[in-house]
Amino acid sequence: MTTQKPTISGQTQSGFKYVLKKKDLNNFELFEALSELQDNPLLLPKVVLLLLGCEQKKMLYDHVREKDGTVPIEKIEKEITDIFKQVKEIKN
């Protein structure tokens, strides 16, 4: 009998490395925020926090941060989309 790892690790196309807890992917609050995200883009920060936690959220922001200090919304969207695509491939 094999034991499943409690985490999923990966790297986005831009090079951001992440580790997700499988239990966090099964969080109804994350599911709910994702289901409402298209109608309410203001939920993106909540999705990022629920998916990555505080520490990795900061790491992601630093990863996409521009030289002027801004964190572009479209880059965060791209990274989160990439993470979910990879997780879906792993789960299938």
PDB file of N, CA and C in Angstrom:
ATOM      1  N   MET A   1       0.836  -1.181   0.000  1.00  0.00           N
ATOM      2  CA  MET A   1       0.000   0.000   0.000  1.00  0.00           C
ATOM      3  C   MET A   1       0.881   1.244   0.000  1.00  0.00           C
ATOM      4  N   THR A   2       0.618   2.152  -0.938  1.00  0.00           N
ATOM      5  CA  THR A   2       1.408   3.374  -1.018  1.00  0.00           C
ATOM      6  C   THR A   2       0.714   4.501  -0.270  1.00  0.00           C
ATOM      7  N   THR A   3       1.526   5.332   0.328  1.00  0.00           N
ATOM      8  CA  THR A   3       1.006   6.477   1.061  1.00  0.00           C
ATOM      9  C   THR A   3       1.062   7.700   0.157  1.00  0.00           C
ATOM     10  N   GLN A   4      -0.044   8.422   0.071  1.00  0.00           N
ATOM     11  CA  GLN A   4      -0.069   9.632  -0.738  1.00  0.00           C
ATOM     12  C   GLN A   4       0.561  10.785   0.031  1.00  0.00           C
ATOM     13  N   LYS A   5       1.282  11.618  -0.697  1.00  0.00           N
ATOM     14  CA  LYS A   5       1.856  12.813  -0.094  1.00  0.00           C
ATOM     15  C   LYS A   5       0.737  13.787   0.254  1.00  0.00           C
ATOM     16  N   PRO A   6       0.881  14.493   1.370  1.00  0.00           N
ATOM     17  CA  PRO A   6      -0.150  15.469   1.746  1.00  0.00           C
ATOM     18  C   PRO A   6      -0.017  16.794   0.998  1.00  0.00           C
ATOM     19  N   THR A   7       0.993  16.888   0.102  1.00  0.00           N
ATOM     20  CA  THR A   7       1.211  18.134  -0.629  1.00  0.00           C
ATOM     21  C   THR A   7       1.380  17.876  -2.124  1.00  0.00           C
ATOM     22  N   ILE A   8       1.199  18.934  -2.885  1.00  0.00           N
ATOM     23  CA  ILE A   8       1.460  18.931  -4.322  1.00  0.00           C
ATOM     24  C   ILE A   8       2.444  20.064  -4.583  1.00  0.00           C
ATOM     25  N   SER A   9       3.568  19.743  -5.206  1.00  0.00           N
ATOM     26  CA  SER A   9       4.577  20.750  -5.530  1.00  0.00           C
ATOM     27  C   SER A   9       4.597  20.986  -7.025  1.00  0.00           C
ATOM     28  N   GLY A  10       4.969  22.185  -7.407  1.00  0.00           N
ATOM     29  CA  GLY A  10       5.073  22.487  -8.825  1.00  0.00           C
ATOM     30  C   GLY A  10       5.767  23.804  -9.063  1.00  0.00           C
ATOM     31  N   GLN A  11       5.834  24.141 -10.341  1.00  0.00           N
ATOM     32  CA  GLN A  11       6.460  25.389 -10.752  1.00  0.00           C
ATOM     33  C   GLN A  11       5.686  25.927 -11.947  1.00  0.00           C
ATOM     34  N   THR A  12       5.339  27.204 -11.891  1.00  0.00           N
ATOM     35  CA  THR A  12       4.605  27.817 -12.997  1.00  0.00           C
ATOM     36  C   THR A  12       5.547  28.046 -14.177  1.00  0.00           C
ATOM     37  N   GLN A  13       4.972  28.393 -15.304  1.00  0.00           N
ATOM     38  CA  GLN A  13       5.776  28.645 -16.503  1.00  0.00           C
ATOM     39  C   GLN A  13       6.768  29.777 -16.300  1.00  0.00           C
ATOM     40  N   SER A  14       6.439  30.724 -15.441  1.00  0.00           N
ATOM     41  CA  SER A  14       7.346  31.852 -15.198  1.00  0.00           C
ATOM     42  C   SER A  14       8.416  31.531 -14.159  1.00  0.00           C
ATOM     43  N   GLY A  15       8.305  30.349 -13.519  1.00  0.00           N
ATOM     44  CA  GLY A  15       9.326  29.933 -12.563  1.00  0.00           C
ATOM     45  C   GLY A  15       8.941  30.023 -11.097  1.00  0.00           C
ATOM     46  N   PHE A  16       7.707  30.392 -10.789  1.00  0.00           N
ATOM     47  CA  PHE A  16       7.274  30.451  -9.391  1.00  0.00           C
ATOM     48  C   PHE A  16       7.082  29.034  -8.860  1.00  0.00           C
ATOM     49  N   LYS A  17       7.799  28.706  -7.789  1.00  0.00           N
ATOM     50  CA  LYS A  17       7.698  27.382  -7.169  1.00  0.00           C
ATOM     51  C   LYS A  17       6.702  27.444  -6.022  1.00  0.00           C
ATOM     52  N   TYR A  18       5.823  26.446  -5.970  1.00  0.00           N
ATOM     53  CA  TYR A  18       4.784  26.424  -4.944  1.00  0.00           C
ATOM     54  C   TYR A  18       4.631  25.021  -4.369  1.00  0.00           C
ATOM     55  N   VAL A  19       4.091  24.981  -3.168  1.00  0.00           N
ATOM     56  CA  VAL A  19       3.721  23.727  -2.505  1.00  0.00           C
ATOM     57  C   VAL A  19       2.317  23.936  -1.951  1.00  0.00           C
ATOM     58  N   LEU A  20       1.389  23.097  -2.398  1.00  0.00           N
ATOM     59  CA  LEU A  20       0.004  23.194  -1.948  1.00  0.00           C
ATOM     60  C   LEU A  20      -0.333  22.016  -1.057  1.00  0.00           C
ATOM     61  N   LYS A  21      -1.055  22.284   0.003  1.00  0.00           N
ATOM     62  CA  LYS A  21      -1.564  21.204   0.844  1.00  0.00           C
ATOM     63  C   LYS A  21      -2.814  20.650   0.174  1.00  0.00           C
ATOM     64  N   LYS A  22      -2.877  19.342   0.013  1.00  0.00           N
ATOM     65  CA  LYS A  22      -4.042  18.732  -0.636  1.00  0.00           C
ATOM     66  C   LYS A  22      -5.326  19.077   0.107  1.00  0.00           C
ATOM     67  N   LYS A  23      -5.246  19.157   1.428  1.00  0.00           N
ATOM     68  CA  LYS A  23      -6.454  19.478   2.201  1.00  0.00           C
ATOM     69  C   LYS A  23      -6.959  20.885   1.889  1.00  0.00           C
ATOM     70  N   ASP A  24      -6.048  21.804   1.546  1.00  0.00           N
ATOM     71  CA  ASP A  24      -6.464  23.163   1.191  1.00  0.00           C
ATOM     72  C   ASP A  24      -7.207  23.191  -0.144  1.00  0.00           C
ATOM     73  N   LEU A  25      -6.869  22.266  -1.032  1.00  0.00           N
ATOM     74  CA  LEU A  25      -7.564  22.186  -2.320  1.00  0.00           C
ATOM     75  C   LEU A  25      -8.983  21.668  -2.144  1.00  0.00           C
ATOM     76  N   ASN A  26      -9.241  21.008  -1.023  1.00  0.00           N
ATOM     77  CA  ASN A  26     -10.563  20.459  -0.722  1.00  0.00           C
ATOM     78  C   ASN A  26     -11.349  21.378   0.222  1.00  0.00           C
ATOM     79  N   ASN A  27     -10.928  22.632   0.310  1.00  0.00           N
ATOM     80  CA  ASN A  27     -11.540  23.615   1.198  1.00  0.00           C
ATOM     81  C   ASN A  27     -12.757  24.241   0.507  1.00  0.00           C
ATOM     82  N   PHE A  28     -13.912  24.124   1.118  1.00  0.00           N
ATOM     83  CA  PHE A  28     -15.131  24.660   0.509  1.00  0.00           C
ATOM     84  C   PHE A  28     -15.064  26.172   0.338  1.00  0.00           C
ATOM     85  N   GLU A  29     -14.386  26.870   1.228  1.00  0.00           N
ATOM     86  CA  GLU A  29     -14.261  28.326   1.083  1.00  0.00           C
ATOM     87  C   GLU A  29     -13.500  28.681  -0.197  1.00  0.00           C
ATOM     88  N   LEU A  30     -12.476  27.897  -0.529  1.00  0.00           N
ATOM     89  CA  LEU A  30     -11.750  28.107  -1.782  1.00  0.00           C
ATOM     90  C   LEU A  30     -12.669  27.823  -2.966  1.00  0.00           C
ATOM     91  N   PHE A  31     -13.388  26.725  -2.906  1.00  0.00           N
ATOM     92  CA  PHE A  31     -14.340  26.358  -3.958  1.00  0.00           C
ATOM     93  C   PHE A  31     -15.371  27.466  -4.172  1.00  0.00           C
ATOM     94  N   GLU A  32     -15.901  27.976  -3.071  1.00  0.00           N
ATOM     95  CA  GLU A  32     -16.914  29.031  -3.140  1.00  0.00           C
ATOM     96  C   GLU A  32     -16.344  30.308  -3.768  1.00  0.00           C
ATOM     97  N   ALA A  33     -15.149  30.697  -3.336  1.00  0.00           N
ATOM     98  CA  ALA A  33     -14.517  31.901  -3.885  1.00  0.00           C
ATOM     99  C   ALA A  33     -14.237  31.736  -5.375  1.00  0.00           C
ATOM    100  N   LEU A  34     -13.795  30.555  -5.771  1.00  0.00           N
ATOM    101  CA  LEU A  34     -13.541  30.296  -7.189  1.00  0.00           C
ATOM    102  C   LEU A  34     -14.822  30.360  -8.007  1.00  0.00           C
ATOM    103  N   SER A  35     -15.900  29.826  -7.448  1.00  0.00           N
ATOM    104  CA  SER A  35     -17.172  29.808  -8.182  1.00  0.00           C
ATOM    105  C   SER A  35     -17.735  31.212  -8.381  1.00  0.00           C
ATOM    106  N   GLU A  36     -17.370  32.138  -7.516  1.00  0.00           N
ATOM    107  CA  GLU A  36     -17.868  33.513  -7.597  1.00  0.00           C
ATOM    108  C   GLU A  36     -16.876  34.466  -8.266  1.00  0.00           C
ATOM    109  N   LEU A  37     -15.685  33.976  -8.564  1.00  0.00           N
ATOM    110  CA  LEU A  37     -14.604  34.835  -9.058  1.00  0.00           C
ATOM    111  C   LEU A  37     -14.933  35.507 -10.386  1.00  0.00           C
ATOM    112  N   GLN A  38     -15.576  34.801 -11.302  1.00  0.00           N
ATOM    113  CA  GLN A  38     -15.874  35.385 -12.610  1.00  0.00           C
ATOM    114  C   GLN A  38     -16.812  36.585 -12.484  1.00  0.00           C
ATOM    115  N   ASP A  39     -17.782  36.494 -11.597  1.00  0.00           N
ATOM    116  CA  ASP A  39     -18.721  37.603 -11.396  1.00  0.00           C
ATOM    117  C   ASP A  39     -18.186  38.670 -10.450  1.00  0.00           C
ATOM    118  N   ASN A  40     -17.199  38.311  -9.645  1.00  0.00           N
ATOM    119  CA  ASN A  40     -16.655  39.246  -8.669  1.00  0.00           C
ATOM    120  C   ASN A  40     -15.131  39.113  -8.612  1.00  0.00           C
ATOM    121  N   PRO A  41     -14.410  39.802  -9.515  1.00  0.00           N
ATOM    122  CA  PRO A  41     -12.953  39.692  -9.551  1.00  0.00           C
ATOM    123  C   PRO A  41     -12.266  40.161  -8.268  1.00  0.00           C
ATOM    124  N   LEU A  42     -13.011  40.861  -7.416  1.00  0.00           N
ATOM    125  CA  LEU A  42     -12.427  41.307  -6.148  1.00  0.00           C
ATOM    126  C   LEU A  42     -12.132  40.138  -5.214  1.00  0.00           C
ATOM    127  N   LEU A  43     -12.592  38.947  -5.561  1.00  0.00           N
ATOM    128  CA  LEU A  43     -12.317  37.760  -4.751  1.00  0.00           C
ATOM    129  C   LEU A  43     -10.950  37.143  -5.056  1.00  0.00           C
ATOM    130  N   LEU A  44     -10.246  37.648  -6.069  1.00  0.00           N
ATOM    131  CA  LEU A  44      -8.939  37.080  -6.418  1.00  0.00           C
ATOM    132  C   LEU A  44      -7.967  37.071  -5.236  1.00  0.00           C
ATOM    133  N   PRO A  45      -7.835  38.151  -4.467  1.00  0.00           N
ATOM    134  CA  PRO A  45      -6.924  38.092  -3.318  1.00  0.00           C
ATOM    135  C   PRO A  45      -7.298  36.992  -2.319  1.00  0.00           C
ATOM    136  N   LYS A  46      -8.589  36.765  -2.124  1.00  0.00           N
ATOM    137  CA  LYS A  46      -9.035  35.703  -1.216  1.00  0.00           C
ATOM    138  C   LYS A  46      -8.650  34.334  -1.766  1.00  0.00           C
ATOM    139  N   VAL A  47      -8.814  34.144  -3.076  1.00  0.00           N
ATOM    140  CA  VAL A  47      -8.431  32.879  -3.710  1.00  0.00           C
ATOM    141  C   VAL A  47      -6.934  32.640  -3.533  1.00  0.00           C
ATOM    142  N   VAL A  48      -6.138  33.669  -3.778  1.00  0.00           N
ATOM    143  CA  VAL A  48      -4.684  33.549  -3.635  1.00  0.00           C
ATOM    144  C   VAL A  48      -4.324  33.156  -2.204  1.00  0.00           C
ATOM    145  N   LEU A  49      -4.926  33.809  -1.235  1.00  0.00           N
ATOM    146  CA  LEU A  49      -4.639  33.519   0.169  1.00  0.00           C
ATOM    147  C   LEU A  49      -5.079  32.108   0.558  1.00  0.00           C
ATOM    148  N   LEU A  50      -6.281  31.712   0.166  1.00  0.00           N
ATOM    149  CA  LEU A  50      -6.773  30.378   0.510  1.00  0.00           C
ATOM    150  C   LEU A  50      -5.958  29.283  -0.165  1.00  0.00           C
ATOM    151  N   LEU A  51      -5.470  29.550  -1.361  1.00  0.00           N
ATOM    152  CA  LEU A  51      -4.702  28.559  -2.106  1.00  0.00           C
ATOM    153  C   LEU A  51      -3.263  28.458  -1.614  1.00  0.00           C
ATOM    154  N   LEU A  52      -2.621  29.602  -1.410  1.00  0.00           N
ATOM    155  CA  LEU A  52      -1.185  29.615  -1.127  1.00  0.00           C
ATOM    156  C   LEU A  52      -0.818  29.868   0.328  1.00  0.00           C
ATOM    157  N   GLY A  53      -1.697  30.486   1.092  1.00  0.00           N
ATOM    158  CA  GLY A  53      -1.337  30.881   2.451  1.00  0.00           C
ATOM    159  C   GLY A  53      -0.547  32.183   2.420  1.00  0.00           C
ATOM    160  N   CYS A  54      -0.305  32.747   3.589  1.00  0.00           N
ATOM    161  CA  CYS A  54       0.332  34.073   3.701  1.00  0.00           C
ATOM    162  C   CYS A  54       1.749  34.111   3.130  1.00  0.00           C
ATOM    163  N   GLU A  55       2.564  33.134   3.511  1.00  0.00           N
ATOM    164  CA  GLU A  55       3.975  33.153   3.121  1.00  0.00           C
ATOM    165  C   GLU A  55       4.149  33.019   1.607  1.00  0.00           C
ATOM    166  N   GLN A  56       3.465  32.040   1.012  1.00  0.00           N
ATOM    167  CA  GLN A  56       3.607  31.845  -0.434  1.00  0.00           C
ATOM    168  C   GLN A  56       2.926  32.964  -1.225  1.00  0.00           C
ATOM    169  N   LYS A  57       1.889  33.566  -0.653  1.00  0.00           N
ATOM    170  CA  LYS A  57       1.253  34.714  -1.307  1.00  0.00           C
ATOM    171  C   LYS A  57       2.272  35.837  -1.456  1.00  0.00           C
ATOM    172  N   LYS A  58       3.004  36.117  -0.379  1.00  0.00           N
ATOM    173  CA  LYS A  58       4.033  37.161  -0.428  1.00  0.00           C
ATOM    174  C   LYS A  58       5.113  36.791  -1.445  1.00  0.00           C
ATOM    175  N   MET A  59       5.504  35.519  -1.466  1.00  0.00           N
ATOM    176  CA  MET A  59       6.513  35.069  -2.428  1.00  0.00           C
ATOM    177  C   MET A  59       6.020  35.252  -3.868  1.00  0.00           C
ATOM    178  N   LEU A  60       4.739  34.952  -4.107  1.00  0.00           N
ATOM    179  CA  LEU A  60       4.172  35.135  -5.444  1.00  0.00           C
ATOM    180  C   LEU A  60       4.167  36.611  -5.820  1.00  0.00           C
ATOM    181  N   TYR A  61       3.733  37.457  -4.916  1.00  0.00           N
ATOM    182  CA  TYR A  61       3.720  38.898  -5.193  1.00  0.00           C
ATOM    183  C   TYR A  61       5.131  39.386  -5.534  1.00  0.00           C
ATOM    184  N   ASP A  62       6.125  38.952  -4.757  1.00  0.00           N
ATOM    185  CA  ASP A  62       7.505  39.351  -5.028  1.00  0.00           C
ATOM    186  C   ASP A  62       7.986  38.796  -6.373  1.00  0.00           C
ATOM    187  N   HIS A  63       7.516  37.609  -6.724  1.00  0.00           N
ATOM    188  CA  HIS A  63       7.908  36.971  -7.985  1.00  0.00           C
ATOM    189  C   HIS A  63       7.441  37.780  -9.196  1.00  0.00           C
ATOM    190  N   VAL A  64       6.250  38.354  -9.121  1.00  0.00           N
ATOM    191  CA  VAL A  64       5.706  39.086 -10.279  1.00  0.00           C
ATOM    192  C   VAL A  64       5.858  40.602 -10.156  1.00  0.00           C
ATOM    193  N   ARG A  65       6.407  41.057  -9.054  1.00  0.00           N
ATOM    194  CA  ARG A  65       6.514  42.502  -8.791  1.00  0.00           C
ATOM    195  C   ARG A  65       7.337  43.209  -9.871  1.00  0.00           C
ATOM    196  N   GLU A  66       6.840  44.349 -10.320  1.00  0.00           N
ATOM    197  CA  GLU A  66       7.541  45.172 -11.313  1.00  0.00           C
ATOM    198  C   GLU A  66       8.643  45.980 -10.623  1.00  0.00           C
ATOM    199  N   LYS A  67       9.529  46.555 -11.420  1.00  0.00           N
ATOM    200  CA  LYS A  67      10.624  47.356 -10.873  1.00  0.00           C
ATOM    201  C   LYS A  67      10.125  48.556 -10.082  1.00  0.00           C
ATOM    202  N   ASP A  68       8.941  49.054 -10.456  1.00  0.00           N
ATOM    203  CA  ASP A  68       8.391  50.214  -9.740  1.00  0.00           C
ATOM    204  C   ASP A  68       7.651  49.812  -8.460  1.00  0.00           C
ATOM    205  N   GLY A  69       7.640  48.511  -8.150  1.00  0.00           N
ATOM    206  CA  GLY A  69       7.032  48.039  -6.909  1.00  0.00           C
ATOM    207  C   GLY A  69       5.606  47.542  -7.030  1.00  0.00           C
ATOM    208  N   THR A  70       4.982  47.725  -8.183  1.00  0.00           N
ATOM    209  CA  THR A  70       3.598  47.284  -8.345  1.00  0.00           C
ATOM    210  C   THR A  70       3.521  45.778  -8.622  1.00  0.00           C
ATOM    211  N   VAL A  71       2.385  45.208  -8.253  1.00  0.00           N
ATOM    212  CA  VAL A  71       2.105  43.793  -8.493  1.00  0.00           C
ATOM    213  C   VAL A  71       0.948  43.745  -9.496  1.00  0.00           C
ATOM    214  N   PRO A  72       1.243  43.466 -10.767  1.00  0.00           N
ATOM    215  CA  PRO A  72       0.201  43.493 -11.799  1.00  0.00           C
ATOM    216  C   PRO A  72      -0.860  42.404 -11.607  1.00  0.00           C
ATOM    217  N   ILE A  73      -2.107  42.820 -11.661  1.00  0.00           N
ATOM    218  CA  ILE A  73      -3.226  41.893 -11.488  1.00  0.00           C
ATOM    219  C   ILE A  73      -3.164  40.782 -12.523  1.00  0.00           C
ATOM    220  N   GLU A  74      -2.892  41.154 -13.779  1.00  0.00           N
ATOM    221  CA  GLU A  74      -2.908  40.138 -14.828  1.00  0.00           C
ATOM    222  C   GLU A  74      -1.827  39.075 -14.634  1.00  0.00           C
ATOM    223  N   LYS A  75      -0.703  39.451 -14.027  1.00  0.00           N
ATOM    224  CA  LYS A  75       0.347  38.458 -13.756  1.00  0.00           C
ATOM    225  C   LYS A  75      -0.087  37.500 -12.647  1.00  0.00           C
ATOM    226  N   ILE A  76      -0.765  38.017 -11.629  1.00  0.00           N
ATOM    227  CA  ILE A  76      -1.280  37.150 -10.560  1.00  0.00           C
ATOM    228  C   ILE A  76      -2.317  36.194 -11.140  1.00  0.00           C
ATOM    229  N   GLU A  77      -3.222  36.711 -11.965  1.00  0.00           N
ATOM    230  CA  GLU A  77      -4.235  35.860 -12.603  1.00  0.00           C
ATOM    231  C   GLU A  77      -3.581  34.741 -13.405  1.00  0.00           C
ATOM    232  N   LYS A  78      -2.538  35.085 -14.164  1.00  0.00           N
ATOM    233  CA  LYS A  78      -1.844  34.095 -14.991  1.00  0.00           C
ATOM    234  C   LYS A  78      -1.192  33.017 -14.127  1.00  0.00           C
ATOM    235  N   GLU A  79      -0.557  33.421 -13.047  1.00  0.00           N
ATOM    236  CA  GLU A  79       0.110  32.455 -12.169  1.00  0.00           C
ATOM    237  C   GLU A  79      -0.903  31.508 -11.522  1.00  0.00           C
ATOM    238  N   ILE A  80      -2.002  32.050 -11.022  1.00  0.00           N
ATOM    239  CA  ILE A  80      -3.024  31.225 -10.364  1.00  0.00           C
ATOM    240  C   ILE A  80      -3.661  30.274 -11.372  1.00  0.00           C
ATOM    241  N   THR A  81      -3.933  30.763 -12.571  1.00  0.00           N
ATOM    242  CA  THR A  81      -4.480  29.901 -13.623  1.00  0.00           C
ATOM    243  C   THR A  81      -3.511  28.773 -13.943  1.00  0.00           C
ATOM    244  N   ASP A  82      -2.237  29.100 -14.042  1.00  0.00           N
ATOM    245  CA  ASP A  82      -1.208  28.095 -14.330  1.00  0.00           C
ATOM    246  C   ASP A  82      -1.151  27.042 -13.220  1.00  0.00           C
ATOM    247  N   ILE A  83      -1.225  27.482 -11.978  1.00  0.00           N
ATOM    248  CA  ILE A  83      -1.201  26.542 -10.847  1.00  0.00           C
ATOM    249  C   ILE A  83      -2.387  25.592 -10.932  1.00  0.00           C
ATOM    250  N   PHE A  84      -3.574  26.120 -11.169  1.00  0.00           N
ATOM    251  CA  PHE A  84      -4.759  25.260 -11.233  1.00  0.00           C
ATOM    252  C   PHE A  84      -4.701  24.293 -12.413  1.00  0.00           C
ATOM    253  N   LYS A  85      -4.146  24.718 -13.535  1.00  0.00           N
ATOM    254  CA  LYS A  85      -3.987  23.811 -14.679  1.00  0.00           C
ATOM    255  C   LYS A  85      -3.063  22.657 -14.312  1.00  0.00           C
ATOM    256  N   GLN A  86      -1.971  22.964 -13.623  1.00  0.00           N
ATOM    257  CA  GLN A  86      -1.028  21.921 -13.226  1.00  0.00           C
ATOM    258  C   GLN A  86      -1.647  20.972 -12.208  1.00  0.00           C
ATOM    259  N   VAL A  87      -2.380  21.514 -11.260  1.00  0.00           N
ATOM    260  CA  VAL A  87      -3.023  20.677 -10.241  1.00  0.00           C
ATOM    261  C   VAL A  87      -4.041  19.751 -10.894  1.00  0.00           C
ATOM    262  N   LYS A  88      -4.777  20.270 -11.852  1.00  0.00           N
ATOM    263  CA  LYS A  88      -5.774  19.456 -12.561  1.00  0.00           C
ATOM    264  C   LYS A  88      -5.092  18.302 -13.289  1.00  0.00           C
ATOM    265  N   GLU A  89      -3.955  18.571 -13.937  1.00  0.00           N
ATOM    266  CA  GLU A  89      -3.216  17.529 -14.648  1.00  0.00           C
ATOM    267  C   GLU A  89      -2.699  16.467 -13.682  1.00  0.00           C
ATOM    268  N   ILE A  90      -2.245  16.882 -12.523  1.00  0.00           N
ATOM    269  CA  ILE A  90      -1.723  15.945 -11.520  1.00  0.00           C
ATOM    270  C   ILE A  90      -2.841  15.068 -10.984  1.00  0.00           C
ATOM    271  N   LYS A  91      -3.996  15.676 -10.721  1.00  0.00           N
ATOM    272  CA  LYS A  91      -5.115  14.931 -10.136  1.00  0.00           C
ATOM    273  C   LYS A  91      -5.723  13.939 -11.119  1.00  0.00           C
ATOM    274  N   ASN A  92      -5.603  14.184 -12.431  1.00  0.00           N
ATOM    275  CA  ASN A  92      -6.194  13.287 -13.437  1.00  0.00           C
ATOM    276  C   ASN A  92      -5.308  12.149 -13.764  1.00  0.00           C
TER     277      ASN A  92
END
